[in-house]
Protein backbone atom coordinates (compact mmCIF):
# COMPACT_ATOMS: atom_id res chain seq x y z
CA UNK A 1 -0.03 -0.14 -0.07
CA UNK A 2 1.45 3.54 -0.90
CA UNK A 3 0.22 6.57 0.90
CA UNK A 4 0.87 10.32 0.39
CA UNK A 5 0.82 12.34 3.52
CA UNK A 6 0.20 16.10 3.29
CA UNK A 7 1.07 18.66 5.92
CA UNK A 8 -0.75 21.65 4.22
CA UNK A 9 0.51 25.25 4.49
CA UNK A 10 -0.01 28.22 2.39
CA UNK A 11 3.73 29.14 2.12
CA UNK A 12 5.03 25.65 2.63
CA UNK A 13 3.30 22.34 2.10
CA UNK A 14 5.01 19.07 3.07
CA UNK A 15 4.63 15.94 1.47
CA UNK A 16 5.84 12.50 2.09
CA UNK A 17 5.15 9.29 0.10
CA UNK A 18 5.49 6.00 2.18
CA UNK A 19 4.88 2.44 1.15
CA UNK A 20 4.18 -0.65 3.23
CA UNK A 21 5.31 -3.72 1.33
CA UNK A 22 5.69 -7.20 3.06
CA UNK A 23 5.19 -5.59 6.52
CA UNK A 24 8.08 -3.05 6.11
CA UNK A 25 7.75 0.77 5.56
CA UNK A 26 9.80 2.52 3.02
CA UNK A 27 10.11 6.17 2.11
CA UNK A 28 9.52 6.84 -1.54
CA UNK A 29 9.57 10.44 -1.78
CA UNK A 30 9.35 13.47 0.48
CA UNK A 31 9.81 17.21 0.35
CA UNK A 32 7.99 20.39 0.32
CA UNK A 33 6.10 22.57 -2.01
CA UNK A 34 6.60 26.20 -1.81
CA UNK A 35 4.51 29.21 -3.13
CA UNK A 36 5.85 32.42 -4.07
CA UNK A 37 5.20 35.29 -1.37
CA UNK A 38 5.16 37.60 -4.40
CA UNK A 39 2.23 35.97 -6.17
CA UNK A 40 -1.35 36.87 -5.82
CA UNK A 41 -3.31 34.66 -3.35
CA UNK A 42 -5.57 32.83 -5.95
CA UNK A 43 -2.27 32.04 -8.14
CA UNK A 44 -0.42 30.66 -4.91
CA UNK A 45 -3.36 28.07 -4.19
CA UNK A 46 -3.43 27.29 -7.99
CA UNK A 47 0.14 26.61 -7.93
CA UNK A 48 -0.25 24.27 -4.96
CA UNK A 49 -3.12 22.38 -6.75
CA UNK A 50 -0.92 21.86 -9.69
CA UNK A 51 2.02 20.59 -7.79
CA UNK A 52 -0.36 18.20 -5.66
CA UNK A 53 -1.83 16.94 -8.65
CA UNK A 54 1.62 16.26 -10.19
CA UNK A 55 2.62 14.44 -7.15
CA UNK A 56 -0.42 12.15 -7.22
CA UNK A 57 0.15 11.35 -10.91
CA UNK A 58 3.81 10.55 -10.43
CA UNK A 59 3.35 8.41 -7.21
CA UNK A 60 -0.02 6.79 -7.98
CA UNK A 61 -0.91 6.25 -4.18
CA UNK A 62 -3.70 3.93 -2.89
CA UNK A 63 -4.70 6.93 -0.41
CA UNK A 64 -4.14 10.32 0.62
CA UNK A 65 -3.57 11.64 4.26
CA UNK A 66 -4.11 15.35 5.19
CA UNK A 67 -3.63 16.92 8.69
CA UNK A 68 -6.88 17.66 10.26
CA UNK A 69 -6.75 21.34 11.25
CA UNK A 70 -7.60 22.57 14.62
CA UNK A 71 -8.31 26.08 15.90
CA UNK A 72 -5.55 28.59 15.51
CA UNK A 73 -5.27 31.78 17.60
CA UNK A 74 -4.07 33.61 14.56
CA UNK A 75 -7.11 33.82 12.26
CA UNK A 76 -5.34 34.86 9.30
CA UNK A 77 -2.97 31.90 9.39
CA UNK A 78 -5.74 29.65 10.16
CA UNK A 79 -7.60 30.89 7.14
CA UNK A 80 -4.63 30.37 4.66
CA UNK A 81 -3.85 26.89 6.09
CA UNK A 82 -7.60 26.07 5.68
CA UNK A 83 -7.50 26.88 2.12
CA UNK A 84 -4.20 25.07 1.44
CA UNK A 85 -5.98 21.93 3.24
CA UNK A 86 -9.16 22.30 1.08
CA UNK A 87 -6.78 22.41 -2.23
CA UNK A 88 -5.12 19.29 -1.09
CA UNK A 89 -8.63 17.42 -0.11
CA UNK A 90 -10.18 18.64 -3.31
CA UNK A 91 -7.20 17.69 -5.62
CA UNK A 92 -6.96 14.00 -4.12
CA UNK A 93 -10.76 13.69 -4.46
CA UNK A 94 -10.61 14.84 -8.20
CA UNK A 95 -8.11 11.95 -8.61
CA UNK A 96 -10.68 9.66 -7.22
CA UNK A 97 -8.47 8.85 -4.28
CA UNK A 98 -9.62 7.85 -0.68
CA UNK A 99 -8.69 10.67 1.61
CA UNK A 100 -8.23 10.39 5.55
CA UNK A 101 -7.51 13.27 7.89
CA UNK A 102 -5.63 12.59 11.08
CA UNK A 103 -5.18 15.25 13.90
CA UNK A 104 -1.70 15.98 15.24
CA UNK A 105 -2.55 14.09 18.28
CA UNK A 106 -3.43 10.92 16.35
CA UNK A 107 -0.29 11.23 14.32
CA UNK A 108 1.98 11.45 17.36
CA UNK A 109 0.15 8.49 18.92
CA UNK A 110 0.66 6.34 16.03
CA UNK A 111 4.16 7.30 15.10
CA UNK A 112 5.80 7.87 18.82
CA UNK A 113 3.11 6.33 21.02
CA UNK A 114 2.42 9.33 22.85
CA UNK A 115 0.12 12.33 21.97
CA UNK A 116 2.25 15.05 23.57
CA UNK A 117 5.45 14.18 21.60
CA UNK A 118 7.60 17.00 20.25
CA UNK A 119 8.12 17.83 16.53
CA UNK A 120 11.73 16.52 17.19
CA UNK A 121 10.56 13.32 18.60
CA UNK A 122 8.19 12.70 15.65
CA UNK A 123 10.93 13.49 13.17
CA UNK A 124 13.32 11.27 14.70
CA UNK A 125 10.74 8.38 15.00
CA UNK A 126 9.91 8.86 11.10
CA UNK A 127 13.77 8.47 10.35
CA UNK A 128 13.91 5.29 12.38
CA UNK A 129 10.76 3.69 11.02
CA UNK A 130 11.87 4.56 7.63
CA UNK A 131 15.35 3.48 8.07
CA UNK A 132 16.53 7.10 7.00
CA UNK A 133 19.83 8.27 8.19
CA UNK A 134 18.41 11.64 9.20
CA UNK A 135 14.81 12.98 9.55
CA UNK A 136 13.25 14.25 6.41
CA UNK A 137 13.79 18.01 5.68
CA UNK A 138 12.13 20.30 5.95
CA UNK A 139 9.99 19.72 9.10
CA UNK A 140 6.87 19.98 6.93
CA UNK A 141 8.05 16.89 5.14
CA UNK A 142 8.70 14.88 8.18
CA UNK A 143 5.18 15.87 9.39
CA UNK A 144 3.96 14.61 6.16
CA UNK A 145 5.80 11.26 6.37
CA UNK A 146 4.29 10.99 9.83
CA UNK A 147 0.88 11.39 8.48
CA UNK A 148 1.29 8.71 5.80
CA UNK A 149 2.71 6.17 8.66
CA UNK A 150 -0.14 7.01 10.73
CA UNK A 151 -2.50 5.89 8.15
CA UNK A 152 -0.42 2.77 7.36
CA UNK A 153 -0.54 1.70 10.92
CA UNK A 154 -4.11 2.56 11.35
CA UNK A 155 -5.14 0.84 8.22
CA UNK A 156 -3.36 -2.43 9.32
CA UNK A 157 -4.96 -2.43 12.58
CA UNK A 158 -8.66 -1.64 11.16
CA UNK A 159 -7.98 -4.57 8.80
CA UNK A 160 -6.80 -6.94 11.71
CA UNK A 161 -9.90 -5.72 13.61
CA UNK A 162 -12.08 -6.57 10.69
CA UNK A 163 -10.60 -10.24 10.28
CA UNK A 164 -10.92 -10.90 13.87
CA UNK A 165 -14.80 -9.79 13.82
CA UNK A 166 -15.64 -12.20 11.06
């Protein structure tokens, strides 16, 4: 199973492509999509849509995971991140993919084992789980890989529960 995790942001959107094959997790690709601060708002969202669409076409994932937004004190930032999240969700849906959203708490619990883990702890654990020499950079990419890992862990658990219930 191949999953693309997306950590949405207006200026920087992290992505991580992770695959589970024969019980092992492997990093396929990771990085960040950056939009130009000089470009108009709508153009930046359009650039993000094109870049996400290209990623989905290039990596042919089975599912897409996006960080579920939570309330932010800075309304302007929250709105921009919400718009970037909407672009990611709509683009994945337009590609006919299953889309899953996870909160930061759910991701931390799935990847580190505790919900109050620091960003550094998450990044180090992502590197360990994916057998990388160092955590993915930038931090947005590490978060996106963590989102993909979260889904792979939860999907496996959900499938096992389904088999046991039969």
